[in-house]
């Protein structure tokens, strides 16, 4: 059994895609970590998932409780290396544009500056 991992990328790196099928979600670091290494994402349309992933651009954003749709998305990635590669490139571009440490620091700074502006 695995517990907390200081460097989860070691494990995430062995996957071809990232599957996050939940019925309740905020913003998960594992999604961002997966994007950082270029894993196409299959996520449910909840919480921060929809702010991070774009359907048919970085992977698939799906409804909850729809096993047929979820299975089809996994099969689509498994059977289409070209689609997987395109999603992988797109997901890295989105991560680099919005979610690097520098980008996140700038966003926090803008929020704080706006909140405490006189």
PDB file of N, CA and C in Angstrom:
ATOM      1  N   UNK A   1       0.844  -1.179   0.000  1.00  0.00           N
ATOM      2  CA  UNK A   1       0.000   0.000   0.000  1.00  0.00           C
ATOM      3  C   UNK A   1       0.889   1.243   0.000  1.00  0.00           C
ATOM      4  N   UNK A   2       0.565   2.159  -0.872  1.00  0.00           N
ATOM      5  CA  UNK A   2       1.290   3.433  -0.923  1.00  0.00           C
ATOM      6  C   UNK A   2       0.597   4.453  -0.044  1.00  0.00           C
ATOM      7  N   UNK A   3       1.380   5.254   0.600  1.00  0.00           N
ATOM      8  CA  UNK A   3       0.831   6.368   1.366  1.00  0.00           C
ATOM      9  C   UNK A   3       1.420   7.649   0.784  1.00  0.00           C
ATOM     10  N   UNK A   4       1.523   8.681   1.559  1.00  0.00           N
ATOM     11  CA  UNK A   4       2.033   9.956   1.068  1.00  0.00           C
ATOM     12  C   UNK A   4       3.357   9.761   0.337  1.00  0.00           C
ATOM     13  N   UNK A   5       3.470  10.369  -0.815  1.00  0.00           N
ATOM     14  CA  UNK A   5       4.694  10.304  -1.609  1.00  0.00           C
ATOM     15  C   UNK A   5       5.241  11.704  -1.792  1.00  0.00           C
ATOM     16  N   UNK A   6       6.483  11.903  -1.397  1.00  0.00           N
ATOM     17  CA  UNK A   6       7.107  13.215  -1.526  1.00  0.00           C
ATOM     18  C   UNK A   6       7.258  13.603  -2.990  1.00  0.00           C
ATOM     19  N   UNK A   7       7.508  12.628  -3.853  1.00  0.00           N
ATOM     20  CA  UNK A   7       7.686  12.877  -5.286  1.00  0.00           C
ATOM     21  C   UNK A   7       6.730  11.980  -6.077  1.00  0.00           C
ATOM     22  N   UNK A   8       5.444  12.356  -6.154  1.00  0.00           N
ATOM     23  CA  UNK A   8       4.465  11.495  -6.822  1.00  0.00           C
ATOM     24  C   UNK A   8       4.690  11.350  -8.325  1.00  0.00           C
ATOM     25  N   UNK A   9       5.452  12.253  -8.916  1.00  0.00           N
ATOM     26  CA  UNK A   9       5.690  12.191 -10.358  1.00  0.00           C
ATOM     27  C   UNK A   9       6.339  10.871 -10.741  1.00  0.00           C
ATOM     28  N   UNK A  10       7.141  10.322  -9.851  1.00  0.00           N
ATOM     29  CA  UNK A  10       7.765   9.017 -10.098  1.00  0.00           C
ATOM     30  C   UNK A  10       6.710   7.972 -10.434  1.00  0.00           C
ATOM     31  N   UNK A  11       5.593   8.020  -9.751  1.00  0.00           N
ATOM     32  CA  UNK A  11       4.523   7.051  -9.970  1.00  0.00           C
ATOM     33  C   UNK A  11       3.597   7.483 -11.106  1.00  0.00           C
ATOM     34  N   UNK A  12       3.243   8.748 -11.126  1.00  0.00           N
ATOM     35  CA  UNK A  12       2.333   9.267 -12.151  1.00  0.00           C
ATOM     36  C   UNK A  12       2.934   9.104 -13.542  1.00  0.00           C
ATOM     37  N   UNK A  13       4.231   9.204 -13.632  1.00  0.00           N
ATOM     38  CA  UNK A  13       4.932   9.140 -14.921  1.00  0.00           C
ATOM     39  C   UNK A  13       4.766   7.823 -15.657  1.00  0.00           C
ATOM     40  N   UNK A  14       4.336   6.776 -14.978  1.00  0.00           N
ATOM     41  CA  UNK A  14       4.185   5.477 -15.646  1.00  0.00           C
ATOM     42  C   UNK A  14       2.840   5.363 -16.376  1.00  0.00           C
ATOM     43  N   UNK A  15       1.952   6.325 -16.170  1.00  0.00           N
ATOM     44  CA  UNK A  15       0.624   6.273 -16.773  1.00  0.00           C
ATOM     45  C   UNK A  15       0.587   6.916 -18.153  1.00  0.00           C
ATOM     46  N   UNK A  16      -0.385   6.520 -18.956  1.00  0.00           N
ATOM     47  CA  UNK A  16      -0.612   7.112 -20.275  1.00  0.00           C
ATOM     48  C   UNK A  16      -1.635   8.235 -20.223  1.00  0.00           C
ATOM     49  N   UNK A  17      -2.408   8.286 -19.166  1.00  0.00           N
ATOM     50  CA  UNK A  17      -3.430   9.307 -18.990  1.00  0.00           C
ATOM     51  C   UNK A  17      -3.786   9.401 -17.521  1.00  0.00           C
ATOM     52  N   UNK A  18      -4.574  10.408 -17.190  1.00  0.00           N
ATOM     53  CA  UNK A  18      -4.984  10.616 -15.799  1.00  0.00           C
ATOM     54  C   UNK A  18      -6.495  10.581 -15.725  1.00  0.00           C
ATOM     55  N   UNK A  19      -7.027   9.708 -14.884  1.00  0.00           N
ATOM     56  CA  UNK A  19      -8.461   9.516 -14.734  1.00  0.00           C
ATOM     57  C   UNK A  19      -8.886  10.005 -13.356  1.00  0.00           C
ATOM     58  N   UNK A  20      -9.780  10.983 -13.326  1.00  0.00           N
ATOM     59  CA  UNK A  20     -10.305  11.523 -12.070  1.00  0.00           C
ATOM     60  C   UNK A  20     -11.822  11.564 -12.168  1.00  0.00           C
ATOM     61  N   UNK A  21     -12.416  10.438 -11.834  1.00  0.00           N
ATOM     62  CA  UNK A  21     -13.868  10.294 -11.904  1.00  0.00           C
ATOM     63  C   UNK A  21     -14.401  10.327 -10.478  1.00  0.00           C
ATOM     64  N   UNK A  22     -14.915  11.481 -10.080  1.00  0.00           N
ATOM     65  CA  UNK A  22     -15.431  11.638  -8.726  1.00  0.00           C
ATOM     66  C   UNK A  22     -16.818  12.259  -8.777  1.00  0.00           C
ATOM     67  N   UNK A  23     -17.502  12.228  -7.646  1.00  0.00           N
ATOM     68  CA  UNK A  23     -18.818  12.866  -7.556  1.00  0.00           C
ATOM     69  C   UNK A  23     -18.759  14.137  -6.722  1.00  0.00           C
ATOM     70  N   UNK A  24     -17.581  14.456  -6.189  1.00  0.00           N
ATOM     71  CA  UNK A  24     -17.378  15.682  -5.428  1.00  0.00           C
ATOM     72  C   UNK A  24     -15.909  16.050  -5.540  1.00  0.00           C
ATOM     73  N   UNK A  25     -15.633  17.279  -5.958  1.00  0.00           N
ATOM     74  CA  UNK A  25     -14.237  17.657  -6.176  1.00  0.00           C
ATOM     75  C   UNK A  25     -14.049  19.147  -6.001  1.00  0.00           C
ATOM     76  N   UNK A  26     -12.903  19.503  -5.477  1.00  0.00           N
ATOM     77  CA  UNK A  26     -12.489  20.899  -5.420  1.00  0.00           C
ATOM     78  C   UNK A  26     -11.443  21.097  -6.497  1.00  0.00           C
ATOM     79  N   UNK A  27     -10.219  21.305  -6.089  1.00  0.00           N
ATOM     80  CA  UNK A  27      -9.087  21.383  -7.018  1.00  0.00           C
ATOM     81  C   UNK A  27      -8.039  20.431  -6.476  1.00  0.00           C
ATOM     82  N   UNK A  28      -7.754  19.395  -7.202  1.00  0.00           N
ATOM     83  CA  UNK A  28      -6.814  18.399  -6.729  1.00  0.00           C
ATOM     84  C   UNK A  28      -5.416  18.628  -7.295  1.00  0.00           C
ATOM     85  N   UNK A  29      -4.429  18.527  -6.440  1.00  0.00           N
ATOM     86  CA  UNK A  29      -3.042  18.697  -6.870  1.00  0.00           C
ATOM     87  C   UNK A  29      -2.628  17.583  -7.824  1.00  0.00           C
ATOM     88  N   UNK A  30      -3.200  16.399  -7.667  1.00  0.00           N
ATOM     89  CA  UNK A  30      -2.808  15.312  -8.572  1.00  0.00           C
ATOM     90  C   UNK A  30      -3.180  15.626 -10.010  1.00  0.00           C
ATOM     91  N   UNK A  31      -4.264  16.351 -10.224  1.00  0.00           N
ATOM     92  CA  UNK A  31      -4.636  16.756 -11.580  1.00  0.00           C
ATOM     93  C   UNK A  31      -3.569  17.690 -12.148  1.00  0.00           C
ATOM     94  N   UNK A  32      -3.160  18.677 -11.365  1.00  0.00           N
ATOM     95  CA  UNK A  32      -2.130  19.609 -11.826  1.00  0.00           C
ATOM     96  C   UNK A  32      -0.787  18.909 -12.029  1.00  0.00           C
ATOM     97  N   UNK A  33      -0.450  17.991 -11.139  1.00  0.00           N
ATOM     98  CA  UNK A  33       0.801  17.245 -11.286  1.00  0.00           C
ATOM     99  C   UNK A  33       0.775  16.411 -12.559  1.00  0.00           C
ATOM    100  N   UNK A  34      -0.356  15.827 -12.855  1.00  0.00           N
ATOM    101  CA  UNK A  34      -0.499  15.021 -14.068  1.00  0.00           C
ATOM    102  C   UNK A  34      -0.390  15.886 -15.316  1.00  0.00           C
ATOM    103  N   UNK A  35      -0.988  17.057 -15.264  1.00  0.00           N
ATOM    104  CA  UNK A  35      -0.904  17.974 -16.398  1.00  0.00           C
ATOM    105  C   UNK A  35       0.535  18.411 -16.632  1.00  0.00           C
ATOM    106  N   UNK A  36       1.251  18.661 -15.548  1.00  0.00           N
ATOM    107  CA  UNK A  36       2.626  19.120 -15.642  1.00  0.00           C
ATOM    108  C   UNK A  36       3.513  18.148 -16.420  1.00  0.00           C
ATOM    109  N   UNK A  37       3.231  16.862 -16.315  1.00  0.00           N
ATOM    110  CA  UNK A  37       4.045  15.886 -17.046  1.00  0.00           C
ATOM    111  C   UNK A  37       3.394  15.454 -18.358  1.00  0.00           C
ATOM    112  N   UNK A  38       2.274  16.087 -18.710  1.00  0.00           N
ATOM    113  CA  UNK A  38       1.690  15.859 -20.024  1.00  0.00           C
ATOM    114  C   UNK A  38       0.708  14.719 -20.140  1.00  0.00           C
ATOM    115  N   UNK A  39       0.052  14.357 -19.056  1.00  0.00           N
ATOM    116  CA  UNK A  39      -0.935  13.284 -19.148  1.00  0.00           C
ATOM    117  C   UNK A  39      -2.293  13.840 -19.578  1.00  0.00           C
ATOM    118  N   UNK A  40      -2.862  13.319 -20.655  1.00  0.00           N
ATOM    119  CA  UNK A  40      -4.229  13.701 -21.010  1.00  0.00           C
ATOM    120  C   UNK A  40      -5.150  13.363 -19.841  1.00  0.00           C
ATOM    121  N   UNK A  41      -6.148  14.190 -19.602  1.00  0.00           N
ATOM    122  CA  UNK A  41      -7.000  14.040 -18.430  1.00  0.00           C
ATOM    123  C   UNK A  41      -8.410  13.607 -18.805  1.00  0.00           C
ATOM    124  N   UNK A  42      -8.934  12.697 -18.028  1.00  0.00           N
ATOM    125  CA  UNK A  42     -10.341  12.327 -18.109  1.00  0.00           C
ATOM    126  C   UNK A  42     -10.905  12.632 -16.725  1.00  0.00           C
ATOM    127  N   UNK A  43     -11.769  13.648 -16.655  1.00  0.00           N
ATOM    128  CA  UNK A  43     -12.276  14.127 -15.371  1.00  0.00           C
ATOM    129  C   UNK A  43     -13.792  14.303 -15.429  1.00  0.00           C
ATOM    130  N   UNK A  44     -14.402  14.358 -14.261  1.00  0.00           N
ATOM    131  CA  UNK A  44     -15.825  14.680 -14.189  1.00  0.00           C
ATOM    132  C   UNK A  44     -15.993  16.198 -14.132  1.00  0.00           C
ATOM    133  N   UNK A  45     -17.145  16.652 -14.559  1.00  0.00           N
ATOM    134  CA  UNK A  45     -17.403  18.093 -14.678  1.00  0.00           C
ATOM    135  C   UNK A  45     -17.809  18.716 -13.345  1.00  0.00           C
ATOM    136  N   UNK A  46     -16.899  18.630 -12.390  1.00  0.00           N
ATOM    137  CA  UNK A  46     -17.146  19.140 -11.048  1.00  0.00           C
ATOM    138  C   UNK A  46     -16.010  20.041 -10.590  1.00  0.00           C
ATOM    139  N   UNK A  47     -16.338  21.005  -9.759  1.00  0.00           N
ATOM    140  CA  UNK A  47     -15.342  21.827  -9.091  1.00  0.00           C
ATOM    141  C   UNK A  47     -14.308  22.419 -10.024  1.00  0.00           C
ATOM    142  N   UNK A  48     -13.060  22.376  -9.580  1.00  0.00           N
ATOM    143  CA  UNK A  48     -11.964  22.953 -10.338  1.00  0.00           C
ATOM    144  C   UNK A  48     -11.620  22.210 -11.613  1.00  0.00           C
ATOM    145  N   UNK A  49     -12.101  20.992 -11.753  1.00  0.00           N
ATOM    146  CA  UNK A  49     -11.809  20.223 -12.969  1.00  0.00           C
ATOM    147  C   UNK A  49     -12.188  20.981 -14.231  1.00  0.00           C
ATOM    148  N   UNK A  50     -13.330  21.632 -14.198  1.00  0.00           N
ATOM    149  CA  UNK A  50     -13.813  22.334 -15.390  1.00  0.00           C
ATOM    150  C   UNK A  50     -13.047  23.632 -15.644  1.00  0.00           C
ATOM    151  N   UNK A  51     -12.372  24.136 -14.624  1.00  0.00           N
ATOM    152  CA  UNK A  51     -11.546  25.332 -14.808  1.00  0.00           C
ATOM    153  C   UNK A  51     -10.183  24.973 -15.383  1.00  0.00           C
ATOM    154  N   UNK A  52      -9.794  23.731 -15.237  1.00  0.00           N
ATOM    155  CA  UNK A  52      -8.463  23.279 -15.623  1.00  0.00           C
ATOM    156  C   UNK A  52      -8.474  22.538 -16.961  1.00  0.00           C
ATOM    157  N   UNK A  53      -9.437  21.669 -17.137  1.00  0.00           N
ATOM    158  CA  UNK A  53      -9.489  20.811 -18.325  1.00  0.00           C
ATOM    159  C   UNK A  53     -10.529  21.312 -19.325  1.00  0.00           C
ATOM    160  N   UNK A  54     -10.203  21.144 -20.589  1.00  0.00           N
ATOM    161  CA  UNK A  54     -11.125  21.523 -21.665  1.00  0.00           C
ATOM    162  C   UNK A  54     -11.486  20.275 -22.453  1.00  0.00           C
ATOM    163  N   UNK A  55     -12.781  20.008 -22.558  1.00  0.00           N
ATOM    164  CA  UNK A  55     -13.266  18.820 -23.247  1.00  0.00           C
ATOM    165  C   UNK A  55     -12.792  18.792 -24.698  1.00  0.00           C
ATOM    166  N   UNK A  56     -12.246  17.655 -25.084  1.00  0.00           N
ATOM    167  CA  UNK A  56     -11.737  17.403 -26.439  1.00  0.00           C
ATOM    168  C   UNK A  56     -10.544  18.289 -26.816  1.00  0.00           C
ATOM    169  N   UNK A  57      -9.932  18.938 -25.819  1.00  0.00           N
ATOM    170  CA  UNK A  57      -8.718  19.722 -26.070  1.00  0.00           C
ATOM    171  C   UNK A  57      -7.550  19.207 -25.234  1.00  0.00           C
ATOM    172  N   UNK A  58      -7.799  19.016 -23.938  1.00  0.00           N
ATOM    173  CA  UNK A  58      -6.758  18.486 -23.054  1.00  0.00           C
ATOM    174  C   UNK A  58      -7.117  17.093 -22.558  1.00  0.00           C
ATOM    175  N   UNK A  59      -8.248  16.604 -22.993  1.00  0.00           N
ATOM    176  CA  UNK A  59      -8.751  15.303 -22.567  1.00  0.00           C
ATOM    177  C   UNK A  59     -10.262  15.320 -22.661  1.00  0.00           C
ATOM    178  N   UNK A  60     -10.892  14.695 -21.683  1.00  0.00           N
ATOM    179  CA  UNK A  60     -12.353  14.619 -21.689  1.00  0.00           C
ATOM    180  C   UNK A  60     -12.908  15.092 -20.355  1.00  0.00           C
ATOM    181  N   UNK A  61     -13.921  15.943 -20.415  1.00  0.00           N
ATOM    182  CA  UNK A  61     -14.648  16.389 -19.231  1.00  0.00           C
ATOM    183  C   UNK A  61     -16.028  15.752 -19.337  1.00  0.00           C
ATOM    184  N   UNK A  62     -16.333  14.861 -18.391  1.00  0.00           N
ATOM    185  CA  UNK A  62     -17.520  14.020 -18.497  1.00  0.00           C
ATOM    186  C   UNK A  62     -18.477  14.221 -17.333  1.00  0.00           C
ATOM    187  N   UNK A  63     -19.719  13.827 -17.556  1.00  0.00           N
ATOM    188  CA  UNK A  63     -20.699  13.851 -16.485  1.00  0.00           C
ATOM    189  C   UNK A  63     -20.414  12.755 -15.478  1.00  0.00           C
ATOM    190  N   UNK A  64     -20.929  12.940 -14.278  1.00  0.00           N
ATOM    191  CA  UNK A  64     -20.763  11.916 -13.248  1.00  0.00           C
ATOM    192  C   UNK A  64     -21.748  10.778 -13.489  1.00  0.00           C
ATOM    193  N   UNK A  65     -21.458   9.643 -12.917  1.00  0.00           N
ATOM    194  CA  UNK A  65     -22.354   8.477 -12.958  1.00  0.00           C
ATOM    195  C   UNK A  65     -22.666   8.019 -14.378  1.00  0.00           C
ATOM    196  N   UNK A  66     -21.729   8.156 -15.301  1.00  0.00           N
ATOM    197  CA  UNK A  66     -21.961   7.715 -16.669  1.00  0.00           C
ATOM    198  C   UNK A  66     -20.817   6.802 -17.098  1.00  0.00           C
ATOM    199  N   UNK A  67     -20.905   5.557 -16.659  1.00  0.00           N
ATOM    200  CA  UNK A  67     -19.843   4.590 -16.897  1.00  0.00           C
ATOM    201  C   UNK A  67     -19.601   4.361 -18.385  1.00  0.00           C
ATOM    202  N   UNK A  68     -20.650   4.357 -19.189  1.00  0.00           N
ATOM    203  CA  UNK A  68     -20.484   4.146 -20.630  1.00  0.00           C
ATOM    204  C   UNK A  68     -19.654   5.267 -21.257  1.00  0.00           C
ATOM    205  N   UNK A  69     -19.958   6.492 -20.899  1.00  0.00           N
ATOM    206  CA  UNK A  69     -19.221   7.647 -21.414  1.00  0.00           C
ATOM    207  C   UNK A  69     -17.767   7.618 -20.938  1.00  0.00           C
ATOM    208  N   UNK A  70     -17.564   7.269 -19.699  1.00  0.00           N
ATOM    209  CA  UNK A  70     -16.222   7.200 -19.127  1.00  0.00           C
ATOM    210  C   UNK A  70     -15.398   6.096 -19.790  1.00  0.00           C
ATOM    211  N   UNK A  71     -16.006   4.955 -20.006  1.00  0.00           N
ATOM    212  CA  UNK A  71     -15.339   3.835 -20.666  1.00  0.00           C
ATOM    213  C   UNK A  71     -14.973   4.199 -22.101  1.00  0.00           C
ATOM    214  N   UNK A  72     -15.874   4.876 -22.777  1.00  0.00           N
ATOM    215  CA  UNK A  72     -15.608   5.304 -24.154  1.00  0.00           C
ATOM    216  C   UNK A  72     -14.420   6.268 -24.196  1.00  0.00           C
ATOM    217  N   UNK A  73     -14.316   7.172 -23.248  1.00  0.00           N
ATOM    218  CA  UNK A  73     -13.210   8.131 -23.214  1.00  0.00           C
ATOM    219  C   UNK A  73     -11.873   7.421 -23.007  1.00  0.00           C
ATOM    220  N   UNK A  74     -11.843   6.467 -22.091  1.00  0.00           N
ATOM    221  CA  UNK A  74     -10.615   5.703 -21.858  1.00  0.00           C
ATOM    222  C   UNK A  74     -10.235   4.944 -23.128  1.00  0.00           C
ATOM    223  N   UNK A  75     -11.205   4.323 -23.769  1.00  0.00           N
ATOM    224  CA  UNK A  75     -10.949   3.598 -25.015  1.00  0.00           C
ATOM    225  C   UNK A  75     -10.467   4.520 -26.123  1.00  0.00           C
ATOM    226  N   UNK A  76     -11.002   5.715 -26.165  1.00  0.00           N
ATOM    227  CA  UNK A  76     -10.594   6.679 -27.178  1.00  0.00           C
ATOM    228  C   UNK A  76      -9.113   7.015 -27.060  1.00  0.00           C
ATOM    229  N   UNK A  77      -8.641   7.210 -25.833  1.00  0.00           N
ATOM    230  CA  UNK A  77      -7.220   7.480 -25.630  1.00  0.00           C
ATOM    231  C   UNK A  77      -6.377   6.238 -25.914  1.00  0.00           C
ATOM    232  N   UNK A  78      -6.856   5.094 -25.469  1.00  0.00           N
ATOM    233  CA  UNK A  78      -6.094   3.855 -25.651  1.00  0.00           C
ATOM    234  C   UNK A  78      -5.951   3.491 -27.123  1.00  0.00           C
ATOM    235  N   UNK A  79      -6.937   3.831 -27.920  1.00  0.00           N
ATOM    236  CA  UNK A  79      -6.951   3.423 -29.327  1.00  0.00           C
ATOM    237  C   UNK A  79      -6.504   4.511 -30.298  1.00  0.00           C
ATOM    238  N   UNK A  80      -6.137   5.677 -29.786  1.00  0.00           N
ATOM    239  CA  UNK A  80      -5.734   6.757 -30.674  1.00  0.00           C
ATOM    240  C   UNK A  80      -4.474   7.449 -30.165  1.00  0.00           C
ATOM    241  N   UNK A  81      -3.313   6.924 -30.522  1.00  0.00           N
ATOM    242  CA  UNK A  81      -2.065   7.572 -30.091  1.00  0.00           C
ATOM    243  C   UNK A  81      -1.970   9.025 -30.566  1.00  0.00           C
ATOM    244  N   UNK A  82      -2.521   9.330 -31.726  1.00  0.00           N
ATOM    245  CA  UNK A  82      -2.465  10.704 -32.236  1.00  0.00           C
ATOM    246  C   UNK A  82      -3.282  11.639 -31.340  1.00  0.00           C
ATOM    247  N   UNK A  83      -4.457  11.205 -30.936  1.00  0.00           N
ATOM    248  CA  UNK A  83      -5.300  12.024 -30.056  1.00  0.00           C
ATOM    249  C   UNK A  83      -4.623  12.181 -28.692  1.00  0.00           C
ATOM    250  N   UNK A  84      -4.060  11.095 -28.187  1.00  0.00           N
ATOM    251  CA  UNK A  84      -3.369  11.140 -26.902  1.00  0.00           C
ATOM    252  C   UNK A  84      -2.207  12.127 -26.955  1.00  0.00           C
ATOM    253  N   UNK A  85      -1.459  12.102 -28.030  1.00  0.00           N
ATOM    254  CA  UNK A  85      -0.319  13.013 -28.191  1.00  0.00           C
ATOM    255  C   UNK A  85      -0.797  14.465 -28.272  1.00  0.00           C
ATOM    256  N   UNK A  86      -1.857  14.708 -29.034  1.00  0.00           N
ATOM    257  CA  UNK A  86      -2.386  16.072 -29.156  1.00  0.00           C
ATOM    258  C   UNK A  86      -2.882  16.589 -27.807  1.00  0.00           C
ATOM    259  N   UNK A  87      -3.615  15.762 -27.063  1.00  0.00           N
ATOM    260  CA  UNK A  87      -4.089  16.154 -25.734  1.00  0.00           C
ATOM    261  C   UNK A  87      -2.902  16.405 -24.805  1.00  0.00           C
ATOM    262  N   UNK A  88      -1.890  15.551 -24.892  1.00  0.00           N
ATOM    263  CA  UNK A  88      -0.709  15.687 -24.050  1.00  0.00           C
ATOM    264  C   UNK A  88      -0.011  17.022 -24.282  1.00  0.00           C
ATOM    265  N   UNK A  89       0.155  17.387 -25.524  1.00  0.00           N
ATOM    266  CA  UNK A  89       0.789  18.672 -25.851  1.00  0.00           C
ATOM    267  C   UNK A  89      -0.072  19.841 -25.370  1.00  0.00           C
ATOM    268  N   UNK A  90      -1.381  19.726 -25.544  1.00  0.00           N
ATOM    269  CA  UNK A  90      -2.290  20.796 -25.126  1.00  0.00           C
ATOM    270  C   UNK A  90      -2.316  20.943 -23.613  1.00  0.00           C
ATOM    271  N   UNK A  91      -2.282  19.838 -22.895  1.00  0.00           N
ATOM    272  CA  UNK A  91      -2.359  19.899 -21.445  1.00  0.00           C
ATOM    273  C   UNK A  91      -1.096  20.541 -20.856  1.00  0.00           C
ATOM    274  N   UNK A  92       0.053  20.273 -21.446  1.00  0.00           N
ATOM    275  CA  UNK A  92       1.294  20.904 -20.996  1.00  0.00           C
ATOM    276  C   UNK A  92       1.251  22.411 -21.273  1.00  0.00           C
ATOM    277  N   UNK A  93       0.728  22.787 -22.418  1.00  0.00           N
ATOM    278  CA  UNK A  93       0.624  24.211 -22.755  1.00  0.00           C
ATOM    279  C   UNK A  93      -0.287  24.935 -21.772  1.00  0.00           C
ATOM    280  N   UNK A  94      -1.423  24.337 -21.426  1.00  0.00           N
ATOM    281  CA  UNK A  94      -2.340  24.951 -20.454  1.00  0.00           C
ATOM    282  C   UNK A  94      -1.664  25.059 -19.091  1.00  0.00           C
ATOM    283  N   UNK A  95      -1.000  23.986 -18.682  1.00  0.00           N
ATOM    284  CA  UNK A  95      -0.308  24.025 -17.396  1.00  0.00           C
ATOM    285  C   UNK A  95       0.720  25.148 -17.372  1.00  0.00           C
ATOM    286  N   UNK A  96       1.530  25.238 -18.404  1.00  0.00           N
ATOM    287  CA  UNK A  96       2.580  26.261 -18.447  1.00  0.00           C
ATOM    288  C   UNK A  96       2.019  27.676 -18.514  1.00  0.00           C
ATOM    289  N   UNK A  97       0.856  27.818 -19.117  1.00  0.00           N
ATOM    290  CA  UNK A  97       0.229  29.141 -19.227  1.00  0.00           C
ATOM    291  C   UNK A  97      -0.421  29.581 -17.921  1.00  0.00           C
ATOM    292  N   UNK A  98      -0.992  28.633 -17.167  1.00  0.00           N
ATOM    293  CA  UNK A  98      -1.816  29.013 -16.027  1.00  0.00           C
ATOM    294  C   UNK A  98      -1.370  28.501 -14.663  1.00  0.00           C
ATOM    295  N   UNK A  99      -0.614  27.423 -14.601  1.00  0.00           N
ATOM    296  CA  UNK A  99      -0.453  26.748 -13.317  1.00  0.00           C
ATOM    297  C   UNK A  99       0.984  26.515 -12.859  1.00  0.00           C
ATOM    298  N   UNK A 100       1.949  27.153 -13.474  1.00  0.00           N
ATOM    299  CA  UNK A 100       3.307  27.044 -12.953  1.00  0.00           C
ATOM    300  C   UNK A 100       3.373  27.818 -11.638  1.00  0.00           C
ATOM    301  N   UNK A 101       4.428  27.600 -10.881  1.00  0.00           N
ATOM    302  CA  UNK A 101       4.582  28.310  -9.618  1.00  0.00           C
ATOM    303  C   UNK A 101       4.582  29.813  -9.853  1.00  0.00           C
ATOM    304  N   UNK A 102       5.262  30.260 -10.887  1.00  0.00           N
ATOM    305  CA  UNK A 102       5.316  31.690 -11.190  1.00  0.00           C
ATOM    306  C   UNK A 102       3.925  32.225 -11.534  1.00  0.00           C
ATOM    307  N   UNK A 103       3.191  31.513 -12.369  1.00  0.00           N
ATOM    308  CA  UNK A 103       1.838  31.947 -12.734  1.00  0.00           C
ATOM    309  C   UNK A 103       0.924  32.011 -11.516  1.00  0.00           C
ATOM    310  N   UNK A 104       0.990  30.986 -10.678  1.00  0.00           N
ATOM    311  CA  UNK A 104       0.133  30.952  -9.490  1.00  0.00           C
ATOM    312  C   UNK A 104       0.494  32.095  -8.528  1.00  0.00           C
ATOM    313  N   UNK A 105       1.787  32.355  -8.343  1.00  0.00           N
ATOM    314  CA  UNK A 105       2.198  33.470  -7.481  1.00  0.00           C
ATOM    315  C   UNK A 105       1.662  34.802  -8.007  1.00  0.00           C
ATOM    316  N   UNK A 106       1.745  34.999  -9.315  1.00  0.00           N
ATOM    317  CA  UNK A 106       1.231  36.237  -9.912  1.00  0.00           C
ATOM    318  C   UNK A 106      -0.275  36.357  -9.714  1.00  0.00           C
ATOM    319  N   UNK A 107      -0.990  35.248  -9.857  1.00  0.00           N
ATOM    320  CA  UNK A 107      -2.442  35.280  -9.671  1.00  0.00           C
ATOM    321  C   UNK A 107      -2.801  35.603  -8.219  1.00  0.00           C
ATOM    322  N   UNK A 108      -2.093  34.992  -7.278  1.00  0.00           N
ATOM    323  CA  UNK A 108      -2.343  35.304  -5.863  1.00  0.00           C
ATOM    324  C   UNK A 108      -2.042  36.771  -5.570  1.00  0.00           C
ATOM    325  N   UNK A 109      -0.955  37.260  -6.125  1.00  0.00           N
ATOM    326  CA  UNK A 109      -0.583  38.656  -5.902  1.00  0.00           C
ATOM    327  C   UNK A 109      -1.677  39.586  -6.429  1.00  0.00           C
ATOM    328  N   UNK A 110      -2.211  39.290  -7.623  1.00  0.00           N
ATOM    329  CA  UNK A 110      -3.295  40.121  -8.170  1.00  0.00           C
ATOM    330  C   UNK A 110      -4.526  40.075  -7.270  1.00  0.00           C
ATOM    331  N   UNK A 111      -4.852  38.889  -6.758  1.00  0.00           N
ATOM    332  CA  UNK A 111      -6.020  38.760  -5.865  1.00  0.00           C
ATOM    333  C   UNK A 111      -5.827  39.579  -4.600  1.00  0.00           C
ATOM    334  N   UNK A 112      -4.672  39.426  -3.973  1.00  0.00           N
ATOM    335  CA  UNK A 112      -4.413  40.155  -2.734  1.00  0.00           C
ATOM    336  C   UNK A 112      -4.362  41.661  -2.969  1.00  0.00           C
ATOM    337  N   UNK A 113      -3.723  42.075  -4.051  1.00  0.00           N
ATOM    338  CA  UNK A 113      -3.657  43.490  -4.363  1.00  0.00           C
ATOM    339  C   UNK A 113      -5.050  44.058  -4.575  1.00  0.00           C
ATOM    340  N   UNK A 114      -5.886  43.333  -5.296  1.00  0.00           N
ATOM    341  CA  UNK A 114      -7.253  43.761  -5.545  1.00  0.00           C
ATOM    342  C   UNK A 114      -8.073  43.800  -4.256  1.00  0.00           C
ATOM    343  N   UNK A 115      -7.899  42.806  -3.400  1.00  0.00           N
ATOM    344  CA  UNK A 115      -8.682  42.715  -2.168  1.00  0.00           C
ATOM    345  C   UNK A 115      -8.324  43.816  -1.171  1.00  0.00           C
ATOM    346  N   UNK A 116      -7.065  44.225  -1.158  1.00  0.00           N
ATOM    347  CA  UNK A 116      -6.615  45.194  -0.160  1.00  0.00           C
ATOM    348  C   UNK A 116      -6.355  46.581  -0.730  1.00  0.00           C
ATOM    349  N   UNK A 117      -6.819  46.800  -1.954  1.00  0.00           N
ATOM    350  CA  UNK A 117      -6.666  48.114  -2.573  1.00  0.00           C
ATOM    351  C   UNK A 117      -7.553  49.113  -1.836  1.00  0.00           C
ATOM    352  N   UNK A 118      -7.019  50.298  -1.622  1.00  0.00           N
ATOM    353  CA  UNK A 118      -7.804  51.332  -0.908  1.00  0.00           C
ATOM    354  C   UNK A 118      -8.672  52.093  -1.849  1.00  0.00           C
TER     355      UNK A 118
END
